[in-house]
């Protein structure tokens, strides 16, 4: 469950996991939920824990709300993945 500027709450089947937000100046929230969901699923399908996937999702969503439009450029995606490594 995304909580906007308060981060997110994820349930892994046993435990609720609080995902911390990345503080940004939101410009356009269009696409933020889709970005969060897509990044979370990417993380899960690439062997990350729920907490790690949630962190990836939170970072990706924070990048998309910091700009106009619902998509990140390839360079932005690469930077998000690098920042989490």
PDB file of N, CA and C in Angstrom:
ATOM      1  N   UNK A   1       0.848  -1.153   0.000  1.00  0.00           N
ATOM      2  CA  UNK A   1       0.000   0.000   0.000  1.00  0.00           C
ATOM      3  C   UNK A   1       0.906   1.232   0.000  1.00  0.00           C
ATOM      4  N   UNK A   2       0.769   2.054  -1.026  1.00  0.00           N
ATOM      5  CA  UNK A   2       1.567   3.278  -1.062  1.00  0.00           C
ATOM      6  C   UNK A   2       0.918   4.325  -0.171  1.00  0.00           C
ATOM      7  N   UNK A   3       1.753   5.120   0.462  1.00  0.00           N
ATOM      8  CA  UNK A   3       1.288   6.127   1.419  1.00  0.00           C
ATOM      9  C   UNK A   3       1.776   7.524   1.056  1.00  0.00           C
ATOM     10  N   UNK A   4       2.065   7.738  -0.227  1.00  0.00           N
ATOM     11  CA  UNK A   4       2.526   9.044  -0.679  1.00  0.00           C
ATOM     12  C   UNK A   4       3.827   9.446  -0.015  1.00  0.00           C
ATOM     13  N   UNK A   5       3.845  10.624   0.547  1.00  0.00           N
ATOM     14  CA  UNK A   5       5.071  11.144   1.174  1.00  0.00           C
ATOM     15  C   UNK A   5       5.448  10.399   2.452  1.00  0.00           C
ATOM     16  N   UNK A   6       4.590   9.477   2.888  1.00  0.00           N
ATOM     17  CA  UNK A   6       4.895   8.675   4.084  1.00  0.00           C
ATOM     18  C   UNK A   6       5.479   7.306   3.746  1.00  0.00           C
ATOM     19  N   UNK A   7       5.798   7.066   2.463  1.00  0.00           N
ATOM     20  CA  UNK A   7       6.407   5.806   2.072  1.00  0.00           C
ATOM     21  C   UNK A   7       5.375   4.781   1.662  1.00  0.00           C
ATOM     22  N   UNK A   8       5.543   3.549   2.163  1.00  0.00           N
ATOM     23  CA  UNK A   8       4.639   2.471   1.790  1.00  0.00           C
ATOM     24  C   UNK A   8       4.628   1.413   2.889  1.00  0.00           C
ATOM     25  N   UNK A   9       3.619   0.569   2.829  1.00  0.00           N
ATOM     26  CA  UNK A   9       3.494  -0.541   3.757  1.00  0.00           C
ATOM     27  C   UNK A   9       3.287  -1.794   2.913  1.00  0.00           C
ATOM     28  N   UNK A  10       4.148  -2.783   3.120  1.00  0.00           N
ATOM     29  CA  UNK A  10       4.108  -4.023   2.335  1.00  0.00           C
ATOM     30  C   UNK A  10       3.847  -5.178   3.282  1.00  0.00           C
ATOM     31  N   UNK A  11       3.049  -6.127   2.821  1.00  0.00           N
ATOM     32  CA  UNK A  11       2.760  -7.328   3.605  1.00  0.00           C
ATOM     33  C   UNK A  11       3.307  -8.522   2.832  1.00  0.00           C
ATOM     34  N   UNK A  12       4.215  -9.270   3.443  1.00  0.00           N
ATOM     35  CA  UNK A  12       4.845 -10.406   2.760  1.00  0.00           C
ATOM     36  C   UNK A  12       4.139 -11.733   3.013  1.00  0.00           C
ATOM     37  N   UNK A  13       2.987 -11.691   3.634  1.00  0.00           N
ATOM     38  CA  UNK A  13       2.243 -12.892   3.963  1.00  0.00           C
ATOM     39  C   UNK A  13       2.300 -13.211   5.438  1.00  0.00           C
ATOM     40  N   UNK A  14       3.330 -12.691   6.113  1.00  0.00           N
ATOM     41  CA  UNK A  14       3.493 -12.888   7.555  1.00  0.00           C
ATOM     42  C   UNK A  14       3.673 -11.582   8.313  1.00  0.00           C
ATOM     43  N   UNK A  15       4.372 -10.647   7.701  1.00  0.00           N
ATOM     44  CA  UNK A  15       4.806  -9.438   8.394  1.00  0.00           C
ATOM     45  C   UNK A  15       4.525  -8.198   7.559  1.00  0.00           C
ATOM     46  N   UNK A  16       4.155  -7.110   8.231  1.00  0.00           N
ATOM     47  CA  UNK A  16       4.060  -5.817   7.570  1.00  0.00           C
ATOM     48  C   UNK A  16       5.441  -5.179   7.582  1.00  0.00           C
ATOM     49  N   UNK A  17       5.843  -4.631   6.456  1.00  0.00           N
ATOM     50  CA  UNK A  17       7.156  -4.008   6.314  1.00  0.00           C
ATOM     51  C   UNK A  17       6.952  -2.547   5.951  1.00  0.00           C
ATOM     52  N   UNK A  18       7.499  -1.647   6.775  1.00  0.00           N
ATOM     53  CA  UNK A  18       7.411  -0.208   6.511  1.00  0.00           C
ATOM     54  C   UNK A  18       8.520   0.174   5.533  1.00  0.00           C
ATOM     55  N   UNK A  19       8.157   0.795   4.435  1.00  0.00           N
ATOM     56  CA  UNK A  19       9.112   1.268   3.442  1.00  0.00           C
ATOM     57  C   UNK A  19       9.239   2.777   3.597  1.00  0.00           C
ATOM     58  N   UNK A  20      10.450   3.208   3.871  1.00  0.00           N
ATOM     59  CA  UNK A  20      10.697   4.642   4.070  1.00  0.00           C
ATOM     60  C   UNK A  20      10.585   5.404   2.747  1.00  0.00           C
ATOM     61  N   UNK A  21      10.078   6.619   2.811  1.00  0.00           N
ATOM     62  CA  UNK A  21       9.974   7.424   1.590  1.00  0.00           C
ATOM     63  C   UNK A  21      11.313   8.078   1.243  1.00  0.00           C
ATOM     64  N   UNK A  22      11.443   8.450  -0.001  1.00  0.00           N
ATOM     65  CA  UNK A  22      12.555   9.298  -0.441  1.00  0.00           C
ATOM     66  C   UNK A  22      11.972  10.695  -0.540  1.00  0.00           C
ATOM     67  N   UNK A  23      12.556  11.617   0.174  1.00  0.00           N
ATOM     68  CA  UNK A  23      12.036  12.982   0.199  1.00  0.00           C
ATOM     69  C   UNK A  23      12.383  13.695  -1.103  1.00  0.00           C
ATOM     70  N   UNK A  24      11.354  14.102  -1.826  1.00  0.00           N
ATOM     71  CA  UNK A  24      11.516  14.838  -3.075  1.00  0.00           C
ATOM     72  C   UNK A  24      10.442  15.904  -3.163  1.00  0.00           C
ATOM     73  N   UNK A  25      10.612  16.804  -4.083  1.00  0.00           N
ATOM     74  CA  UNK A  25       9.577  17.798  -4.366  1.00  0.00           C
ATOM     75  C   UNK A  25       8.691  17.217  -5.466  1.00  0.00           C
ATOM     76  N   UNK A  26       7.489  16.819  -5.114  1.00  0.00           N
ATOM     77  CA  UNK A  26       6.575  16.217  -6.081  1.00  0.00           C
ATOM     78  C   UNK A  26       6.046  17.271  -7.041  1.00  0.00           C
ATOM     79  N   UNK A  27       6.131  16.962  -8.322  1.00  0.00           N
ATOM     80  CA  UNK A  27       5.654  17.853  -9.372  1.00  0.00           C
ATOM     81  C   UNK A  27       4.411  17.274 -10.045  1.00  0.00           C
ATOM     82  N   UNK A  28       4.430  15.960 -10.312  1.00  0.00           N
ATOM     83  CA  UNK A  28       3.343  15.305 -11.037  1.00  0.00           C
ATOM     84  C   UNK A  28       3.246  13.865 -10.547  1.00  0.00           C
ATOM     85  N   UNK A  29       2.140  13.509  -9.938  1.00  0.00           N
ATOM     86  CA  UNK A  29       2.001  12.151  -9.399  1.00  0.00           C
ATOM     87  C   UNK A  29       1.458  11.152 -10.421  1.00  0.00           C
ATOM     88  N   UNK A  30       1.224  11.605 -11.642  1.00  0.00           N
ATOM     89  CA  UNK A  30       0.730  10.723 -12.698  1.00  0.00           C
ATOM     90  C   UNK A  30       1.733   9.588 -12.930  1.00  0.00           C
ATOM     91  N   UNK A  31       1.289   8.360 -12.757  1.00  0.00           N
ATOM     92  CA  UNK A  31       2.142   7.212 -12.998  1.00  0.00           C
ATOM     93  C   UNK A  31       2.904   6.704 -11.792  1.00  0.00           C
ATOM     94  N   UNK A  32       2.803   7.382 -10.662  1.00  0.00           N
ATOM     95  CA  UNK A  32       3.583   6.990  -9.478  1.00  0.00           C
ATOM     96  C   UNK A  32       3.208   5.593  -8.986  1.00  0.00           C
ATOM     97  N   UNK A  33       1.928   5.299  -8.930  1.00  0.00           N
ATOM     98  CA  UNK A  33       1.487   3.980  -8.467  1.00  0.00           C
ATOM     99  C   UNK A  33       1.912   2.873  -9.412  1.00  0.00           C
ATOM    100  N   UNK A  34       1.791   3.122 -10.703  1.00  0.00           N
ATOM    101  CA  UNK A  34       2.229   2.132 -11.686  1.00  0.00           C
ATOM    102  C   UNK A  34       3.736   1.916 -11.606  1.00  0.00           C
ATOM    103  N   UNK A  35       4.484   2.996 -11.430  1.00  0.00           N
ATOM    104  CA  UNK A  35       5.936   2.876 -11.309  1.00  0.00           C
ATOM    105  C   UNK A  35       6.292   2.077 -10.063  1.00  0.00           C
ATOM    106  N   UNK A  36       5.614   2.365  -8.956  1.00  0.00           N
ATOM    107  CA  UNK A  36       5.873   1.638  -7.721  1.00  0.00           C
ATOM    108  C   UNK A  36       5.608   0.143  -7.929  1.00  0.00           C
ATOM    109  N   UNK A  37       4.447  -0.173  -8.481  1.00  0.00           N
ATOM    110  CA  UNK A  37       4.073  -1.578  -8.680  1.00  0.00           C
ATOM    111  C   UNK A  37       5.039  -2.281  -9.626  1.00  0.00           C
ATOM    112  N   UNK A  38       5.376  -1.636 -10.713  1.00  0.00           N
ATOM    113  CA  UNK A  38       6.292  -2.240 -11.681  1.00  0.00           C
ATOM    114  C   UNK A  38       7.680  -2.460 -11.114  1.00  0.00           C
ATOM    115  N   UNK A  39       8.194  -1.478 -10.392  1.00  0.00           N
ATOM    116  CA  UNK A  39       9.524  -1.603  -9.798  1.00  0.00           C
ATOM    117  C   UNK A  39       9.531  -2.666  -8.706  1.00  0.00           C
ATOM    118  N   UNK A  40       8.447  -2.743  -7.940  1.00  0.00           N
ATOM    119  CA  UNK A  40       8.351  -3.764  -6.904  1.00  0.00           C
ATOM    120  C   UNK A  40       8.358  -5.162  -7.535  1.00  0.00           C
ATOM    121  N   UNK A  41       7.576  -5.351  -8.580  1.00  0.00           N
ATOM    122  CA  UNK A  41       7.525  -6.654  -9.247  1.00  0.00           C
ATOM    123  C   UNK A  41       8.870  -6.987  -9.893  1.00  0.00           C
ATOM    124  N   UNK A  42       9.543  -5.989 -10.448  1.00  0.00           N
ATOM    125  CA  UNK A  42      10.886  -6.201 -10.992  1.00  0.00           C
ATOM    126  C   UNK A  42      11.798  -6.725  -9.890  1.00  0.00           C
ATOM    127  N   UNK A  43      11.763  -6.078  -8.738  1.00  0.00           N
ATOM    128  CA  UNK A  43      12.613  -6.499  -7.627  1.00  0.00           C
ATOM    129  C   UNK A  43      12.330  -7.916  -7.179  1.00  0.00           C
ATOM    130  N   UNK A  44      11.063  -8.249  -7.007  1.00  0.00           N
ATOM    131  CA  UNK A  44      10.678  -9.591  -6.560  1.00  0.00           C
ATOM    132  C   UNK A  44      11.101 -10.644  -7.582  1.00  0.00           C
ATOM    133  N   UNK A  45      10.892 -10.368  -8.866  1.00  0.00           N
ATOM    134  CA  UNK A  45      11.223 -11.350  -9.900  1.00  0.00           C
ATOM    135  C   UNK A  45      12.715 -11.436 -10.190  1.00  0.00           C
ATOM    136  N   UNK A  46      13.486 -10.540  -9.588  1.00  0.00           N
ATOM    137  CA  UNK A  46      14.940 -10.582  -9.746  1.00  0.00           C
ATOM    138  C   UNK A  46      15.645 -10.964  -8.447  1.00  0.00           C
ATOM    139  N   UNK A  47      14.926 -11.669  -7.579  1.00  0.00           N
ATOM    140  CA  UNK A  47      15.537 -12.268  -6.402  1.00  0.00           C
ATOM    141  C   UNK A  47      15.687 -11.389  -5.178  1.00  0.00           C
ATOM    142  N   UNK A  48      15.079 -10.215  -5.175  1.00  0.00           N
ATOM    143  CA  UNK A  48      15.175  -9.330  -4.019  1.00  0.00           C
ATOM    144  C   UNK A  48      14.119  -9.698  -2.977  1.00  0.00           C
ATOM    145  N   UNK A  49      14.394  -9.371  -1.739  1.00  0.00           N
ATOM    146  CA  UNK A  49      13.414  -9.562  -0.676  1.00  0.00           C
ATOM    147  C   UNK A  49      12.284  -8.545  -0.857  1.00  0.00           C
ATOM    148  N   UNK A  50      11.209  -8.735  -0.111  1.00  0.00           N
ATOM    149  CA  UNK A  50      10.109  -7.767  -0.159  1.00  0.00           C
ATOM    150  C   UNK A  50      10.601  -6.382   0.265  1.00  0.00           C
ATOM    151  N   UNK A  51      11.428  -6.327   1.293  1.00  0.00           N
ATOM    152  CA  UNK A  51      11.945  -5.033   1.771  1.00  0.00           C
ATOM    153  C   UNK A  51      12.817  -4.372   0.711  1.00  0.00           C
ATOM    154  N   UNK A  52      13.692  -5.144   0.074  1.00  0.00           N
ATOM    155  CA  UNK A  52      14.560  -4.589  -0.973  1.00  0.00           C
ATOM    156  C   UNK A  52      13.743  -4.133  -2.177  1.00  0.00           C
ATOM    157  N   UNK A  53      12.763  -4.939  -2.565  1.00  0.00           N
ATOM    158  CA  UNK A  53      11.905  -4.573  -3.693  1.00  0.00           C
ATOM    159  C   UNK A  53      11.086  -3.320  -3.361  1.00  0.00           C
ATOM    160  N   UNK A  54      10.662  -3.206  -2.117  1.00  0.00           N
ATOM    161  CA  UNK A  54       9.929  -2.015  -1.686  1.00  0.00           C
ATOM    162  C   UNK A  54      10.788  -0.771  -1.727  1.00  0.00           C
ATOM    163  N   UNK A  55      12.044  -0.916  -1.349  1.00  0.00           N
ATOM    164  CA  UNK A  55      12.968   0.218  -1.398  1.00  0.00           C
ATOM    165  C   UNK A  55      13.196   0.653  -2.846  1.00  0.00           C
ATOM    166  N   UNK A  56      13.377  -0.321  -3.736  1.00  0.00           N
ATOM    167  CA  UNK A  56      13.519  -0.022  -5.158  1.00  0.00           C
ATOM    168  C   UNK A  56      12.273   0.691  -5.678  1.00  0.00           C
ATOM    169  N   UNK A  57      11.109   0.181  -5.324  1.00  0.00           N
ATOM    170  CA  UNK A  57       9.851   0.764  -5.777  1.00  0.00           C
ATOM    171  C   UNK A  57       9.680   2.194  -5.266  1.00  0.00           C
ATOM    172  N   UNK A  58      10.038   2.415  -4.018  1.00  0.00           N
ATOM    173  CA  UNK A  58       9.926   3.750  -3.433  1.00  0.00           C
ATOM    174  C   UNK A  58      10.857   4.734  -4.146  1.00  0.00           C
ATOM    175  N   UNK A  59      12.080   4.296  -4.421  1.00  0.00           N
ATOM    176  CA  UNK A  59      13.035   5.168  -5.111  1.00  0.00           C
ATOM    177  C   UNK A  59      12.553   5.474  -6.525  1.00  0.00           C
ATOM    178  N   UNK A  60      12.114   4.464  -7.254  1.00  0.00           N
ATOM    179  CA  UNK A  60      11.649   4.677  -8.631  1.00  0.00           C
ATOM    180  C   UNK A  60      10.440   5.615  -8.660  1.00  0.00           C
ATOM    181  N   UNK A  61       9.497   5.396  -7.747  1.00  0.00           N
ATOM    182  CA  UNK A  61       8.319   6.264  -7.702  1.00  0.00           C
ATOM    183  C   UNK A  61       8.699   7.696  -7.333  1.00  0.00           C
ATOM    184  N   UNK A  62       9.690   7.855  -6.452  1.00  0.00           N
ATOM    185  CA  UNK A  62      10.113   9.213  -6.075  1.00  0.00           C
ATOM    186  C   UNK A  62      10.716   9.947  -7.267  1.00  0.00           C
ATOM    187  N   UNK A  63      11.375   9.219  -8.136  1.00  0.00           N
ATOM    188  CA  UNK A  63      11.959   9.840  -9.338  1.00  0.00           C
ATOM    189  C   UNK A  63      10.864  10.269 -10.306  1.00  0.00           C
ATOM    190  N   UNK A  64       9.839   9.434 -10.472  1.00  0.00           N
ATOM    191  CA  UNK A  64       8.803   9.759 -11.450  1.00  0.00           C
ATOM    192  C   UNK A  64       7.930  10.925 -10.982  1.00  0.00           C
ATOM    193  N   UNK A  65       7.705  11.079  -9.682  1.00  0.00           N
ATOM    194  CA  UNK A  65       6.893  12.220  -9.224  1.00  0.00           C
ATOM    195  C   UNK A  65       7.677  13.520  -9.229  1.00  0.00           C
ATOM    196  N   UNK A  66       8.985  13.441  -9.406  1.00  0.00           N
ATOM    197  CA  UNK A  66       9.842  14.628  -9.422  1.00  0.00           C
ATOM    198  C   UNK A  66       9.896  15.298 -10.788  1.00  0.00           C
ATOM    199  N   UNK A  67       9.130  14.783 -11.728  1.00  0.00           N
ATOM    200  CA  UNK A  67       9.158  15.310 -13.097  1.00  0.00           C
ATOM    201  C   UNK A  67       7.746  15.259 -13.669  1.00  0.00           C
ATOM    202  N   UNK A  68       7.575  15.859 -14.832  1.00  0.00           N
ATOM    203  CA  UNK A  68       6.300  15.751 -15.537  1.00  0.00           C
ATOM    204  C   UNK A  68       6.321  14.476 -16.371  1.00  0.00           C
ATOM    205  N   UNK A  69       5.224  13.749 -16.330  1.00  0.00           N
ATOM    206  CA  UNK A  69       5.096  12.530 -17.119  1.00  0.00           C
ATOM    207  C   UNK A  69       5.367  11.280 -16.310  1.00  0.00           C
ATOM    208  N   UNK A  70       4.763  10.157 -16.725  1.00  0.00           N
ATOM    209  CA  UNK A  70       4.797   8.931 -15.933  1.00  0.00           C
ATOM    210  C   UNK A  70       5.945   7.968 -16.234  1.00  0.00           C
ATOM    211  N   UNK A  71       6.908   8.357 -17.055  1.00  0.00           N
ATOM    212  CA  UNK A  71       7.977   7.432 -17.427  1.00  0.00           C
ATOM    213  C   UNK A  71       9.344   7.986 -17.090  1.00  0.00           C
ATOM    214  N   UNK A  72      10.259   7.078 -16.814  1.00  0.00           N
ATOM    215  CA  UNK A  72      11.656   7.442 -16.610  1.00  0.00           C
ATOM    216  C   UNK A  72      12.439   7.117 -17.879  1.00  0.00           C
ATOM    217  N   UNK A  73      13.428   7.926 -18.171  1.00  0.00           N
ATOM    218  CA  UNK A  73      14.315   7.651 -19.295  1.00  0.00           C
ATOM    219  C   UNK A  73      15.256   6.508 -18.915  1.00  0.00           C
ATOM    220  N   UNK A  74      15.831   5.859 -19.902  1.00  0.00           N
ATOM    221  CA  UNK A  74      16.736   4.732 -19.669  1.00  0.00           C
ATOM    222  C   UNK A  74      17.847   5.100 -18.697  1.00  0.00           C
ATOM    223  N   UNK A  75      18.417   6.275 -18.848  1.00  0.00           N
ATOM    224  CA  UNK A  75      19.504   6.715 -17.964  1.00  0.00           C
ATOM    225  C   UNK A  75      19.026   6.833 -16.522  1.00  0.00           C
ATOM    226  N   UNK A  76      17.794   7.298 -16.339  1.00  0.00           N
ATOM    227  CA  UNK A  76      17.235   7.430 -14.998  1.00  0.00           C
ATOM    228  C   UNK A  76      17.031   6.054 -14.363  1.00  0.00           C
ATOM    229  N   UNK A  77      16.564   5.101 -15.136  1.00  0.00           N
ATOM    230  CA  UNK A  77      16.366   3.740 -14.630  1.00  0.00           C
ATOM    231  C   UNK A  77      17.703   3.148 -14.214  1.00  0.00           C
ATOM    232  N   UNK A  78      18.714   3.317 -15.051  1.00  0.00           N
ATOM    233  CA  UNK A  78      20.045   2.801 -14.729  1.00  0.00           C
ATOM    234  C   UNK A  78      20.588   3.426 -13.452  1.00  0.00           C
ATOM    235  N   UNK A  79      20.337   4.716 -13.252  1.00  0.00           N
ATOM    236  CA  UNK A  79      20.801   5.392 -12.039  1.00  0.00           C
ATOM    237  C   UNK A  79      20.067   4.862 -10.799  1.00  0.00           C
ATOM    238  N   UNK A  80      18.759   4.625 -10.911  1.00  0.00           N
ATOM    239  CA  UNK A  80      17.996   4.072  -9.795  1.00  0.00           C
ATOM    240  C   UNK A  80      18.582   2.724  -9.381  1.00  0.00           C
ATOM    241  N   UNK A  81      18.836   1.861 -10.356  1.00  0.00           N
ATOM    242  CA  UNK A  81      19.395   0.542 -10.065  1.00  0.00           C
ATOM    243  C   UNK A  81      20.796   0.642  -9.466  1.00  0.00           C
ATOM    244  N   UNK A  82      21.585   1.586  -9.972  1.00  0.00           N
ATOM    245  CA  UNK A  82      22.941   1.787  -9.447  1.00  0.00           C
ATOM    246  C   UNK A  82      22.896   2.324  -8.028  1.00  0.00           C
ATOM    247  N   UNK A  83      21.985   3.243  -7.746  1.00  0.00           N
ATOM    248  CA  UNK A  83      21.882   3.837  -6.405  1.00  0.00           C
ATOM    249  C   UNK A  83      21.531   2.804  -5.346  1.00  0.00           C
ATOM    250  N   UNK A  84      20.839   1.755  -5.746  1.00  0.00           N
ATOM    251  CA  UNK A  84      20.460   0.719  -4.793  1.00  0.00           C
ATOM    252  C   UNK A  84      21.525  -0.348  -4.619  1.00  0.00           C
ATOM    253  N   UNK A  85      22.472  -0.402  -5.546  1.00  0.00           N
ATOM    254  CA  UNK A  85      23.520  -1.447  -5.476  1.00  0.00           C
ATOM    255  C   UNK A  85      24.483  -1.223  -4.354  1.00  0.00           C
TER     256      UNK A  85
END
